Amino acid sequence: MSKITKSANGEDCQVRIIGVCKSDPAYTIWSHCRHGAAGKGKGIKAIDLAGAYACTACDAAYDQLQGVPHMTRGEGDLDWFMGHMRSLVILSNKGLI
């Protein structure tokens, strides 16, 4: 586990999918990007820098759009990428990047 993934402990979810987000830091993990451009491959996670602080519910919704029948894949990507940007700012403020 890297410093970046460990840093998710106690953070607020930054992905914040409406109607899905747990809004509880106890459920926040480091969510890895699901696109190949981020280094993801078959059985390989994206690089840690290509991630976001996300609660487990937002992470599952982003990965598979579970529990979000009204959301398109593009809308899920947008929520995740906005969370990624907010997460990068937090990582920078923590001195991790």
PDB file of N, CA and C in Angstrom:
ATOM      1  N   MET A   1       0.852  -1.175   0.000  1.00  0.00           N
ATOM      2  CA  MET A   1       0.000   0.000   0.000  1.00  0.00           C
ATOM      3  C   MET A   1       0.902   1.244   0.000  1.00  0.00           C
ATOM      4  N   SER A   2       0.630   2.177  -0.880  1.00  0.00           N
ATOM      5  CA  SER A   2       1.452   3.379  -0.992  1.00  0.00           C
ATOM      6  C   SER A   2       0.981   4.466  -0.020  1.00  0.00           C
ATOM      7  N   LYS A   3       1.776   5.516   0.098  1.00  0.00           N
ATOM      8  CA  LYS A   3       1.397   6.649   0.939  1.00  0.00           C
ATOM      9  C   LYS A   3       0.102   7.281   0.441  1.00  0.00           C
ATOM     10  N   ILE A   4      -0.073   7.289  -0.864  1.00  0.00           N
ATOM     11  CA  ILE A   4      -1.292   7.878  -1.428  1.00  0.00           C
ATOM     12  C   ILE A   4      -2.515   7.050  -1.033  1.00  0.00           C
ATOM     13  N   THR A   5      -2.464   5.745  -1.210  1.00  0.00           N
ATOM     14  CA  THR A   5      -3.627   4.920  -0.866  1.00  0.00           C
ATOM     15  C   THR A   5      -3.891   4.957   0.638  1.00  0.00           C
ATOM     16  N   LYS A   6      -2.836   4.955   1.451  1.00  0.00           N
ATOM     17  CA  LYS A   6      -3.005   5.031   2.907  1.00  0.00           C
ATOM     18  C   LYS A   6      -3.633   6.357   3.327  1.00  0.00           C
ATOM     19  N   SER A   7      -3.371   7.414   2.556  1.00  0.00           N
ATOM     20  CA  SER A   7      -3.855   8.746   2.931  1.00  0.00           C
ATOM     21  C   SER A   7      -5.374   8.866   2.872  1.00  0.00           C
ATOM     22  N   ALA A   8      -6.048   7.889   2.273  1.00  0.00           N
ATOM     23  CA  ALA A   8      -7.511   7.937   2.174  1.00  0.00           C
ATOM     24  C   ALA A   8      -8.191   7.754   3.528  1.00  0.00           C
ATOM     25  N   ASN A   9      -7.487   7.152   4.471  1.00  0.00           N
ATOM     26  CA  ASN A   9      -8.066   6.898   5.789  1.00  0.00           C
ATOM     27  C   ASN A   9      -8.520   8.199   6.442  1.00  0.00           C
ATOM     28  N   GLY A  10      -9.816   8.312   6.696  1.00  0.00           N
ATOM     29  CA  GLY A  10     -10.378   9.473   7.388  1.00  0.00           C
ATOM     30  C   GLY A  10     -10.678  10.666   6.497  1.00  0.00           C
ATOM     31  N   GLU A  11     -10.455  10.551   5.194  1.00  0.00           N
ATOM     32  CA  GLU A  11     -10.756  11.650   4.271  1.00  0.00           C
ATOM     33  C   GLU A  11     -12.230  11.634   3.878  1.00  0.00           C
ATOM     34  N   ASP A  12     -12.720  12.772   3.454  1.00  0.00           N
ATOM     35  CA  ASP A  12     -14.072  12.864   2.916  1.00  0.00           C
ATOM     36  C   ASP A  12     -14.076  12.374   1.480  1.00  0.00           C
ATOM     37  N   CYS A  13     -15.172  11.787   1.067  1.00  0.00           N
ATOM     38  CA  CYS A  13     -15.344  11.373  -0.324  1.00  0.00           C
ATOM     39  C   CYS A  13     -15.318  12.631  -1.192  1.00  0.00           C
ATOM     40  N   GLN A  14     -14.541  12.596  -2.256  1.00  0.00           N
ATOM     41  CA  GLN A  14     -14.467  13.715  -3.183  1.00  0.00           C
ATOM     42  C   GLN A  14     -15.218  13.461  -4.480  1.00  0.00           C
ATOM     43  N   VAL A  15     -15.702  12.242  -4.689  1.00  0.00           N
ATOM     44  CA  VAL A  15     -16.436  11.913  -5.911  1.00  0.00           C
ATOM     45  C   VAL A  15     -17.886  12.382  -5.787  1.00  0.00           C
ATOM     46  N   ARG A  16     -18.514  12.151  -4.649  1.00  0.00           N
ATOM     47  CA  ARG A  16     -19.803  12.753  -4.269  1.00  0.00           C
ATOM     48  C   ARG A  16     -20.950  12.517  -5.247  1.00  0.00           C
ATOM     49  N   ILE A  17     -21.167  11.284  -5.654  1.00  0.00           N
ATOM     50  CA  ILE A  17     -22.270  10.998  -6.579  1.00  0.00           C
ATOM     51  C   ILE A  17     -23.595  11.156  -5.834  1.00  0.00           C
ATOM     52  N   ILE A  18     -24.432  12.035  -6.338  1.00  0.00           N
ATOM     53  CA  ILE A  18     -25.717  12.350  -5.696  1.00  0.00           C
ATOM     54  C   ILE A  18     -26.584  11.097  -5.623  1.00  0.00           C
ATOM     55  N   GLY A  19     -27.139  10.855  -4.444  1.00  0.00           N
ATOM     56  CA  GLY A  19     -28.007   9.713  -4.221  1.00  0.00           C
ATOM     57  C   GLY A  19     -27.260   8.415  -3.941  1.00  0.00           C
ATOM     58  N   VAL A  20     -25.928   8.474  -3.970  1.00  0.00           N
ATOM     59  CA  VAL A  20     -25.099   7.285  -3.762  1.00  0.00           C
ATOM     60  C   VAL A  20     -24.126   7.479  -2.600  1.00  0.00           C
ATOM     61  N   CYS A  21     -23.500   8.650  -2.535  1.00  0.00           N
ATOM     62  CA  CYS A  21     -22.407   8.908  -1.597  1.00  0.00           C
ATOM     63  C   CYS A  21     -22.813   8.670  -0.141  1.00  0.00           C
ATOM     64  N   LYS A  22     -21.931   7.976   0.582  1.00  0.00           N
ATOM     65  CA  LYS A  22     -22.153   7.701   2.004  1.00  0.00           C
ATOM     66  C   LYS A  22     -21.847   8.922   2.873  1.00  0.00           C
ATOM     67  N   SER A  23     -21.034   9.856   2.367  1.00  0.00           N
ATOM     68  CA  SER A  23     -20.668  11.072   3.106  1.00  0.00           C
ATOM     69  C   SER A  23     -20.148  10.748   4.504  1.00  0.00           C
ATOM     70  N   ASP A  24     -19.376   9.681   4.609  1.00  0.00           N
ATOM     71  CA  ASP A  24     -18.823   9.252   5.889  1.00  0.00           C
ATOM     72  C   ASP A  24     -17.363   8.849   5.670  1.00  0.00           C
ATOM     73  N   PRO A  25     -16.414   9.601   6.268  1.00  0.00           N
ATOM     74  CA  PRO A  25     -14.993   9.299   6.079  1.00  0.00           C
ATOM     75  C   PRO A  25     -14.593   7.868   6.459  1.00  0.00           C
ATOM     76  N   ALA A  26     -15.402   7.191   7.249  1.00  0.00           N
ATOM     77  CA  ALA A  26     -15.091   5.812   7.628  1.00  0.00           C
ATOM     78  C   ALA A  26     -15.131   4.875   6.421  1.00  0.00           C
ATOM     79  N   TYR A  27     -15.795   5.278   5.345  1.00  0.00           N
ATOM     80  CA  TYR A  27     -15.936   4.446   4.157  1.00  0.00           C
ATOM     81  C   TYR A  27     -15.049   4.898   2.989  1.00  0.00           C
ATOM     82  N   THR A  28     -14.191   5.883   3.207  1.00  0.00           N
ATOM     83  CA  THR A  28     -13.382   6.418   2.120  1.00  0.00           C
ATOM     84  C   THR A  28     -12.178   5.535   1.830  1.00  0.00           C
ATOM     85  N   ILE A  29     -11.985   5.286   0.536  1.00  0.00           N
ATOM     86  CA  ILE A  29     -10.852   4.508   0.039  1.00  0.00           C
ATOM     87  C   ILE A  29     -10.180   5.313  -1.075  1.00  0.00           C
ATOM     88  N   TRP A  30      -9.068   4.810  -1.587  1.00  0.00           N
ATOM     89  CA  TRP A  30      -8.443   5.411  -2.759  1.00  0.00           C
ATOM     90  C   TRP A  30      -8.976   4.660  -3.975  1.00  0.00           C
ATOM     91  N   SER A  31      -9.773   5.339  -4.781  1.00  0.00           N
ATOM     92  CA  SER A  31     -10.414   4.760  -5.959  1.00  0.00           C
ATOM     93  C   SER A  31      -9.521   4.971  -7.176  1.00  0.00           C
ATOM     94  N   HIS A  32      -9.148   3.891  -7.838  1.00  0.00           N
ATOM     95  CA  HIS A  32      -8.288   3.974  -9.018  1.00  0.00           C
ATOM     96  C   HIS A  32      -9.122   4.166 -10.289  1.00  0.00           C
ATOM     97  N   CYS A  33      -8.588   4.956 -11.204  1.00  0.00           N
ATOM     98  CA  CYS A  33      -9.231   5.205 -12.486  1.00  0.00           C
ATOM     99  C   CYS A  33      -9.416   3.884 -13.240  1.00  0.00           C
ATOM    100  N   ARG A  34     -10.520   3.744 -13.953  1.00  0.00           N
ATOM    101  CA  ARG A  34     -10.806   2.503 -14.653  1.00  0.00           C
ATOM    102  C   ARG A  34     -10.478   2.567 -16.144  1.00  0.00           C
ATOM    103  N   HIS A  35      -9.717   3.576 -16.550  1.00  0.00           N
ATOM    104  CA  HIS A  35      -9.385   3.745 -17.963  1.00  0.00           C
ATOM    105  C   HIS A  35      -7.931   3.367 -18.249  1.00  0.00           C
ATOM    106  N   GLY A  36      -7.703   2.794 -19.414  1.00  0.00           N
ATOM    107  CA  GLY A  36      -6.366   2.383 -19.818  1.00  0.00           C
ATOM    108  C   GLY A  36      -5.369   3.527 -19.881  1.00  0.00           C
ATOM    109  N   ALA A  37      -5.832   4.730 -20.158  1.00  0.00           N
ATOM    110  CA  ALA A  37      -4.935   5.889 -20.225  1.00  0.00           C
ATOM    111  C   ALA A  37      -4.252   6.156 -18.885  1.00  0.00           C
ATOM    112  N   ALA A  38      -4.807   5.616 -17.803  1.00  0.00           N
ATOM    113  CA  ALA A  38      -4.248   5.807 -16.463  1.00  0.00           C
ATOM    114  C   ALA A  38      -3.327   4.664 -16.058  1.00  0.00           C
ATOM    115  N   GLY A  39      -3.017   3.791 -17.006  1.00  0.00           N
ATOM    116  CA  GLY A  39      -2.132   2.665 -16.720  1.00  0.00           C
ATOM    117  C   GLY A  39      -2.849   1.376 -16.378  1.00  0.00           C
ATOM    118  N   LYS A  40      -4.182   1.403 -16.419  1.00  0.00           N
ATOM    119  CA  LYS A  40      -4.952   0.198 -16.103  1.00  0.00           C
ATOM    120  C   LYS A  40      -4.863  -0.787 -17.263  1.00  0.00           C
ATOM    121  N   GLY A  41      -4.769  -2.035 -16.903  1.00  0.00           N
ATOM    122  CA  GLY A  41      -4.762  -3.100 -17.903  1.00  0.00           C
ATOM    123  C   GLY A  41      -5.493  -4.295 -17.346  1.00  0.00           C
ATOM    124  N   LYS A  42      -5.562  -5.353 -18.087  1.00  0.00           N
ATOM    125  CA  LYS A  42      -6.248  -6.552 -17.623  1.00  0.00           C
ATOM    126  C   LYS A  42      -5.564  -7.070 -16.353  1.00  0.00           C
ATOM    127  N   GLY A  43      -6.262  -6.990 -15.228  1.00  0.00           N
ATOM    128  CA  GLY A  43      -5.709  -7.439 -13.955  1.00  0.00           C
ATOM    129  C   GLY A  43      -4.717  -6.473 -13.338  1.00  0.00           C
ATOM    130  N   ILE A  44      -4.566  -5.281 -13.912  1.00  0.00           N
ATOM    131  CA  ILE A  44      -3.611  -4.284 -13.399  1.00  0.00           C
ATOM    132  C   ILE A  44      -4.364  -3.004 -13.066  1.00  0.00           C
ATOM    133  N   LYS A  45      -4.183  -2.518 -11.834  1.00  0.00           N
ATOM    134  CA  LYS A  45      -4.803  -1.250 -11.434  1.00  0.00           C
ATOM    135  C   LYS A  45      -4.055  -0.095 -12.071  1.00  0.00           C
ATOM    136  N   ALA A  46      -4.738   1.024 -12.216  1.00  0.00           N
ATOM    137  CA  ALA A  46      -4.112   2.258 -12.685  1.00  0.00           C
ATOM    138  C   ALA A  46      -3.064   2.690 -11.663  1.00  0.00           C
ATOM    139  N   ILE A  47      -2.172   3.562 -12.080  1.00  0.00           N
ATOM    140  CA  ILE A  47      -1.173   4.084 -11.142  1.00  0.00           C
ATOM    141  C   ILE A  47      -1.882   4.833 -10.018  1.00  0.00           C
ATOM    142  N   ASP A  48      -1.246   4.895  -8.851  1.00  0.00           N
ATOM    143  CA  ASP A  48      -1.892   5.525  -7.702  1.00  0.00           C
ATOM    144  C   ASP A  48      -2.213   6.998  -7.925  1.00  0.00           C
ATOM    145  N   LEU A  49      -1.393   7.701  -8.676  1.00  0.00           N
ATOM    146  CA  LEU A  49      -1.662   9.110  -8.918  1.00  0.00           C
ATOM    147  C   LEU A  49      -2.972   9.313  -9.682  1.00  0.00           C
ATOM    148  N   ALA A  50      -3.397   8.309 -10.437  1.00  0.00           N
ATOM    149  CA  ALA A  50      -4.653   8.362 -11.182  1.00  0.00           C
ATOM    150  C   ALA A  50      -5.769   7.792 -10.310  1.00  0.00           C
ATOM    151  N   GLY A  51      -6.088   8.520  -9.260  1.00  0.00           N
ATOM    152  CA  GLY A  51      -7.100   8.062  -8.315  1.00  0.00           C
ATOM    153  C   GLY A  51      -7.830   9.203  -7.668  1.00  0.00           C
ATOM    154  N   ALA A  52      -8.749   8.853  -6.793  1.00  0.00           N
ATOM    155  CA  ALA A  52      -9.560   9.845  -6.090  1.00  0.00           C
ATOM    156  C   ALA A  52      -9.987   9.291  -4.740  1.00  0.00           C
ATOM    157  N   TYR A  53     -10.174  10.191  -3.776  1.00  0.00           N
ATOM    158  CA  TYR A  53     -10.783   9.803  -2.508  1.00  0.00           C
ATOM    159  C   TYR A  53     -12.261   9.561  -2.784  1.00  0.00           C
ATOM    160  N   ALA A  54     -12.713   8.341  -2.550  1.00  0.00           N
ATOM    161  CA  ALA A  54     -14.111   7.999  -2.812  1.00  0.00           C
ATOM    162  C   ALA A  54     -14.620   7.055  -1.731  1.00  0.00           C
ATOM    163  N   CYS A  55     -15.876   7.234  -1.349  1.00  0.00           N
ATOM    164  CA  CYS A  55     -16.472   6.255  -0.438  1.00  0.00           C
ATOM    165  C   CYS A  55     -16.688   4.973  -1.228  1.00  0.00           C
ATOM    166  N   THR A  56     -16.887   3.891  -0.525  1.00  0.00           N
ATOM    167  CA  THR A  56     -17.043   2.602  -1.196  1.00  0.00           C
ATOM    168  C   THR A  56     -18.257   2.582  -2.132  1.00  0.00           C
ATOM    169  N   ALA A  57     -19.306   3.326  -1.793  1.00  0.00           N
ATOM    170  CA  ALA A  57     -20.495   3.362  -2.649  1.00  0.00           C
ATOM    171  C   ALA A  57     -20.225   4.117  -3.945  1.00  0.00           C
ATOM    172  N   CYS A  58     -19.549   5.260  -3.856  1.00  0.00           N
ATOM    173  CA  CYS A  58     -19.210   6.019  -5.069  1.00  0.00           C
ATOM    174  C   CYS A  58     -18.230   5.240  -5.937  1.00  0.00           C
ATOM    175  N   ASP A  59     -17.279   4.538  -5.308  1.00  0.00           N
ATOM    176  CA  ASP A  59     -16.326   3.734  -6.061  1.00  0.00           C
ATOM    177  C   ASP A  59     -17.040   2.630  -6.833  1.00  0.00           C
ATOM    178  N   ALA A  60     -17.976   1.937  -6.183  1.00  0.00           N
ATOM    179  CA  ALA A  60     -18.729   0.867  -6.850  1.00  0.00           C
ATOM    180  C   ALA A  60     -19.593   1.428  -7.972  1.00  0.00           C
ATOM    181  N   ALA A  61     -20.209   2.572  -7.731  1.00  0.00           N
ATOM    182  CA  ALA A  61     -21.041   3.189  -8.762  1.00  0.00           C
ATOM    183  C   ALA A  61     -20.182   3.595  -9.959  1.00  0.00           C
ATOM    184  N   TYR A  62     -19.012   4.148  -9.701  1.00  0.00           N
ATOM    185  CA  TYR A  62     -18.103   4.539 -10.783  1.00  0.00           C
ATOM    186  C   TYR A  62     -17.642   3.315 -11.576  1.00  0.00           C
ATOM    187  N   ASP A  63     -17.289   2.257 -10.889  1.00  0.00           N
ATOM    188  CA  ASP A  63     -16.795   1.054 -11.563  1.00  0.00           C
ATOM    189  C   ASP A  63     -17.860   0.378 -12.414  1.00  0.00           C
ATOM    190  N   GLN A  64     -19.067   0.317 -11.898  1.00  0.00           N
ATOM    191  CA  GLN A  64     -20.097  -0.479 -12.575  1.00  0.00           C
ATOM    192  C   GLN A  64     -21.443   0.217 -12.687  1.00  0.00           C
ATOM    193  N   LEU A  65     -21.513   1.462 -12.247  1.00  0.00           N
ATOM    194  CA  LEU A  65     -22.771   2.215 -12.202  1.00  0.00           C
ATOM    195  C   LEU A  65     -23.850   1.455 -11.445  1.00  0.00           C
ATOM    196  N   GLN A  66     -23.422   0.775 -10.353  1.00  0.00           N
ATOM    197  CA  GLN A  66     -24.365   0.051  -9.510  1.00  0.00           C
ATOM    198  C   GLN A  66     -25.198   1.038  -8.693  1.00  0.00           C
ATOM    199  N   GLY A  67     -26.481   0.819  -8.660  1.00  0.00           N
ATOM    200  CA  GLY A  67     -27.365   1.639  -7.840  1.00  0.00           C
ATOM    201  C   GLY A  67     -27.612   3.023  -8.400  1.00  0.00           C
ATOM    202  N   VAL A  68     -27.262   3.246  -9.665  1.00  0.00           N
ATOM    203  CA  VAL A  68     -27.446   4.565 -10.259  1.00  0.00           C
ATOM    204  C   VAL A  68     -28.094   4.400 -11.641  1.00  0.00           C
ATOM    205  N   PRO A  69     -29.363   3.983 -11.666  1.00  0.00           N
ATOM    206  CA  PRO A  69     -30.002   3.715 -12.956  1.00  0.00           C
ATOM    207  C   PRO A  69     -30.173   4.965 -13.825  1.00  0.00           C
ATOM    208  N   HIS A  70     -30.197   6.136 -13.207  1.00  0.00           N
ATOM    209  CA  HIS A  70     -30.423   7.380 -13.949  1.00  0.00           C
ATOM    210  C   HIS A  70     -29.116   7.992 -14.483  1.00  0.00           C
ATOM    211  N   MET A  71     -27.970   7.400 -14.169  1.00  0.00           N
ATOM    212  CA  MET A  71     -26.687   7.992 -14.529  1.00  0.00           C
ATOM    213  C   MET A  71     -26.061   7.274 -15.718  1.00  0.00           C
ATOM    214  N   THR A  72     -25.593   8.067 -16.670  1.00  0.00           N
ATOM    215  CA  THR A  72     -24.881   7.489 -17.803  1.00  0.00           C
ATOM    216  C   THR A  72     -23.422   7.258 -17.406  1.00  0.00           C
ATOM    217  N   ARG A  73     -22.722   6.481 -18.196  1.00  0.00           N
ATOM    218  CA  ARG A  73     -21.304   6.240 -17.938  1.00  0.00           C
ATOM    219  C   ARG A  73     -20.534   7.558 -17.998  1.00  0.00           C
ATOM    220  N   GLY A  74     -20.889   8.426 -18.914  1.00  0.00           N
ATOM    221  CA  GLY A  74     -20.230   9.732 -19.029  1.00  0.00           C
ATOM    222  C   GLY A  74     -20.435  10.595 -17.796  1.00  0.00           C
ATOM    223  N   GLU A  75     -21.638  10.574 -17.251  1.00  0.00           N
ATOM    224  CA  GLU A  75     -21.911  11.336 -16.027  1.00  0.00           C
ATOM    225  C   GLU A  75     -21.124  10.767 -14.848  1.00  0.00           C
ATOM    226  N   GLY A  76     -21.030   9.437 -14.781  1.00  0.00           N
ATOM    227  CA  GLY A  76     -20.236   8.810 -13.724  1.00  0.00           C
ATOM    228  C   GLY A  76     -18.766   9.172 -13.852  1.00  0.00           C
ATOM    229  N   ASP A  77     -18.264   9.170 -15.088  1.00  0.00           N
ATOM    230  CA  ASP A  77     -16.872   9.571 -15.322  1.00  0.00           C
ATOM    231  C   ASP A  77     -16.642  11.017 -14.895  1.00  0.00           C
ATOM    232  N   LEU A  78     -17.576  11.897 -15.231  1.00  0.00           N
ATOM    233  CA  LEU A  78     -17.415  13.311 -14.869  1.00  0.00           C
ATOM    234  C   LEU A  78     -17.360  13.493 -13.354  1.00  0.00           C
ATOM    235  N   ASP A  79     -18.268  12.846 -12.626  1.00  0.00           N
ATOM    236  CA  ASP A  79     -18.245  12.937 -11.161  1.00  0.00           C
ATOM    237  C   ASP A  79     -16.909  12.427 -10.618  1.00  0.00           C
ATOM    238  N   TRP A  80     -16.441  11.289 -11.171  1.00  0.00           N
ATOM    239  CA  TRP A  80     -15.186  10.721 -10.683  1.00  0.00           C
ATOM    240  C   TRP A  80     -14.007  11.641 -11.000  1.00  0.00           C
ATOM    241  N   PHE A  81     -13.949  12.163 -12.215  1.00  0.00           N
ATOM    242  CA  PHE A  81     -12.828  13.026 -12.590  1.00  0.00           C
ATOM    243  C   PHE A  81     -12.819  14.344 -11.817  1.00  0.00           C
ATOM    244  N   MET A  82     -13.982  14.874 -11.480  1.00  0.00           N
ATOM    245  CA  MET A  82     -14.016  16.073 -10.622  1.00  0.00           C
ATOM    246  C   MET A  82     -13.484  15.714  -9.235  1.00  0.00           C
ATOM    247  N   GLY A  83     -13.843  14.532  -8.731  1.00  0.00           N
ATOM    248  CA  GLY A  83     -13.305  14.053  -7.456  1.00  0.00           C
ATOM    249  C   GLY A  83     -11.803  13.838  -7.535  1.00  0.00           C
ATOM    250  N   HIS A  84     -11.325  13.367  -8.676  1.00  0.00           N
ATOM    251  CA  HIS A  84      -9.886  13.188  -8.893  1.00  0.00           C
ATOM    252  C   HIS A  84      -9.172  14.530  -8.771  1.00  0.00           C
ATOM    253  N   MET A  85      -9.709  15.566  -9.397  1.00  0.00           N
ATOM    254  CA  MET A  85      -9.085  16.892  -9.330  1.00  0.00           C
ATOM    255  C   MET A  85      -9.057  17.410  -7.885  1.00  0.00           C
ATOM    256  N   ARG A  86     -10.180  17.261  -7.177  1.00  0.00           N
ATOM    257  CA  ARG A  86     -10.218  17.704  -5.771  1.00  0.00           C
ATOM    258  C   ARG A  86      -9.218  16.905  -4.938  1.00  0.00           C
ATOM    259  N   SER A  87      -9.090  15.623  -5.239  1.00  0.00           N
ATOM    260  CA  SER A  87      -8.163  14.757  -4.506  1.00  0.00           C
ATOM    261  C   SER A  87      -6.712  15.149  -4.759  1.00  0.00           C
ATOM    262  N   LEU A  88      -6.383  15.539  -5.989  1.00  0.00           N
ATOM    263  CA  LEU A  88      -5.022  15.982  -6.287  1.00  0.00           C
ATOM    264  C   LEU A  88      -4.650  17.214  -5.470  1.00  0.00           C
ATOM    265  N   VAL A  89      -5.597  18.112  -5.302  1.00  0.00           N
ATOM    266  CA  VAL A  89      -5.340  19.309  -4.483  1.00  0.00           C
ATOM    267  C   VAL A  89      -5.055  18.896  -3.041  1.00  0.00           C
ATOM    268  N   ILE A  90      -5.835  17.963  -2.516  1.00  0.00           N
ATOM    269  CA  ILE A  90      -5.621  17.487  -1.145  1.00  0.00           C
ATOM    270  C   ILE A  90      -4.260  16.806  -1.029  1.00  0.00           C
ATOM    271  N   LEU A  91      -3.919  15.954  -1.989  1.00  0.00           N
ATOM    272  CA  LEU A  91      -2.607  15.290  -1.961  1.00  0.00           C
ATOM    273  C   LEU A  91      -1.480  16.313  -2.002  1.00  0.00           C
ATOM    274  N   SER A  92      -1.635  17.342  -2.792  1.00  0.00           N
ATOM    275  CA  SER A  92      -0.618  18.392  -2.869  1.00  0.00           C
ATOM    276  C   SER A  92      -0.490  19.114  -1.518  1.00  0.00           C
ATOM    277  N   ASN A  93      -1.636  19.441  -0.925  1.00  0.00           N
ATOM    278  CA  ASN A  93      -1.616  20.119   0.385  1.00  0.00           C
ATOM    279  C   ASN A  93      -0.986  19.266   1.470  1.00  0.00           C
ATOM    280  N   LYS A  94      -1.103  17.945   1.338  1.00  0.00           N
ATOM    281  CA  LYS A  94      -0.497  17.019   2.304  1.00  0.00           C
ATOM    282  C   LYS A  94       0.988  16.790   2.010  1.00  0.00           C
ATOM    283  N   GLY A  95       1.465  17.304   0.873  1.00  0.00           N
ATOM    284  CA  GLY A  95       2.859  17.110   0.497  1.00  0.00           C
ATOM    285  C   GLY A  95       3.153  15.732  -0.071  1.00  0.00           C
ATOM    286  N   LEU A  96       2.123  15.026  -0.534  1.00  0.00           N
ATOM    287  CA  LEU A  96       2.311  13.683  -1.080  1.00  0.00           C
ATOM    288  C   LEU A  96       2.612  13.697  -2.578  1.00  0.00           C
ATOM    289  N   ILE A  97       2.351  14.821  -3.219  1.00  0.00           N
ATOM    290  CA  ILE A  97       2.733  14.982  -4.641  1.00  0.00           C
ATOM    291  C   ILE A  97       3.335  16.358  -4.829  1.00  0.00           C
TER     292      ILE A  97
END
